[in-house]
Protein backbone atom coordinates (compact mmCIF):
# COMPACT_ATOMS: atom_id res chain seq x y z
CA MET A 1 115.17 94.48 60.88
CA LYS A 2 112.94 96.65 58.73
CA LYS A 3 111.74 93.55 56.84
CA VAL A 4 110.78 91.81 60.08
CA PHE A 5 108.77 94.83 61.19
CA VAL A 6 106.92 95.03 57.87
CA ILE A 7 106.16 91.30 57.94
CA ALA A 8 104.91 91.53 61.53
CA LEU A 9 102.76 94.54 60.66
CA VAL A 10 101.25 92.79 57.64
CA ALA A 11 100.58 89.66 59.72
CA ALA A 12 98.97 91.73 62.48
CA CYS A 13 96.72 93.51 59.97
CA TYR A 14 95.76 90.19 58.40
CA LEU A 15 94.85 88.68 61.76
CA TYR A 16 93.04 91.82 62.84
CA LEU A 17 90.93 92.03 59.68
CA GLY A 18 90.22 88.31 59.63
CA GLY A 19 89.21 87.92 63.27
CA SER A 20 85.78 87.94 64.81
CA PRO A 21 85.70 90.95 67.14
CA GLU A 22 82.53 89.90 68.93
CA SER A 23 84.13 86.73 70.28
CA TYR A 24 86.95 88.62 71.99
CA VAL A 25 85.30 91.73 73.39
CA GLY A 26 85.47 91.75 77.15
CA GLU A 27 86.61 88.18 77.69
CA SER A 28 86.20 87.85 81.44
CA HIS A 29 88.59 85.96 83.70
CA GLY A 30 87.43 85.35 87.23
CA PRO A 31 84.10 85.09 88.96
CA ASP A 32 82.70 88.56 88.49
CA GLY A 33 84.74 90.18 85.66
CA ASP A 34 84.01 93.60 87.16
CA GLY A 35 86.29 95.32 84.63
CA LYS A 36 88.53 97.07 87.15
CA VAL A 37 91.61 95.28 85.79
CA VAL A 38 91.88 95.22 81.99
CA LEU A 39 94.63 93.57 79.96
CA TYR A 40 95.23 94.70 76.38
CA ALA A 41 97.26 91.98 74.74
CA THR A 42 97.77 89.65 71.78
CA ALA A 43 97.79 85.87 71.56
CA TRP A 44 101.44 85.67 70.43
CA CYS A 45 103.01 88.02 73.01
CA GLY A 46 105.19 86.24 75.59
CA TRP A 47 105.02 89.15 78.05
CA CYS A 48 101.23 89.13 77.74
CA GLN A 49 101.29 85.44 78.69
CA LYS A 50 103.48 86.22 81.69
CA THR A 51 100.95 88.88 82.71
CA ARG A 52 98.11 86.33 82.47
CA GLU A 53 100.14 83.93 84.62
CA LEU A 54 100.78 86.68 87.19
CA PHE A 55 97.05 87.38 87.34
CA GLU A 56 96.25 83.68 87.76
CA GLU A 57 98.93 83.11 90.42
CA ASN A 58 97.62 86.08 92.42
CA ASN A 59 93.91 85.33 91.86
CA ILE A 60 93.42 88.67 90.11
CA GLN A 61 90.15 88.98 88.21
CA TYR A 62 90.53 90.73 84.88
CA ILE A 63 89.06 91.38 81.47
CA GLU A 64 91.25 90.78 78.43
CA TYR A 65 91.04 92.35 75.00
CA ASP A 66 93.04 90.87 72.14
CA ILE A 67 93.83 94.11 70.34
CA GLU A 68 94.32 92.30 67.04
CA LYS A 69 90.88 90.69 67.10
CA SER A 70 88.68 93.11 69.02
CA GLU A 71 87.70 96.43 67.47
CA GLU A 72 86.52 97.71 70.86
CA GLY A 73 89.71 96.52 72.55
CA PHE A 74 91.90 98.17 69.91
CA ARG A 75 89.89 101.41 70.23
CA GLN A 76 90.33 101.47 74.02
CA TYR A 77 94.02 100.57 73.68
CA SER A 78 94.51 103.43 71.20
CA ASP A 79 92.56 105.86 73.39
CA LEU A 80 94.97 105.01 76.23
CA GLY A 81 97.93 105.89 74.01
CA GLY A 82 98.90 102.36 72.96
CA GLY A 83 102.65 102.13 73.20
CA GLY A 84 103.21 98.39 73.16
CA ILE A 85 101.85 95.33 74.84
CA PRO A 86 100.93 94.28 77.35
CA LEU A 87 99.09 97.37 78.47
CA ILE A 88 97.27 97.00 81.78
CA ARG A 89 94.62 99.33 83.18
CA VAL A 90 93.87 99.04 86.89
CA SER A 91 91.00 101.43 87.57
CA ARG A 92 92.62 104.68 86.39
CA THR A 93 96.25 103.48 86.57
CA ILE A 94 97.97 102.53 83.30
CA ILE A 95 100.94 100.14 83.27
CA ARG A 96 102.86 99.69 80.03
CA GLY A 97 104.76 96.44 79.70
CA TYR A 98 105.27 93.55 82.08
CA ASN A 99 106.21 94.98 85.45
CA PRO A 100 105.00 92.62 88.21
CA ASP A 101 105.78 95.00 91.08
CA SER A 102 103.84 97.88 89.49
CA ILE A 103 100.95 95.63 88.52
CA LEU A 104 100.59 94.12 91.99
CA ALA A 105 100.93 97.52 93.68
CA ALA A 106 98.21 98.98 91.46
CA VAL A 107 95.89 96.03 92.13
CA ARG A 108 96.44 96.30 95.89
CA SER A 109 95.59 100.01 95.87
CA LYS A 110 92.43 99.77 93.74
């Protein structure tokens, strides 16, 4: 288990250092990308993909930061306390992990 973690950490660092941050900062999804819903995620995370699908199915506009490729996204993610992915910010509400009920409730109350 420890080996898997170390390999994943090394791979994440490699991808992070080799990426182009400018191409991932504030990737907007939806017509206006107003920034009220922000998804901090990675390309390989299955729960992040489920979150994207939830947003699409419910016509939720959002901005996504790939925290492995965006310096700004990683900084914001860290400032929010990190703690795993996906991390969703809806206005001032923070949701850690894939929790459809909490996500939809937060979006409805924004």
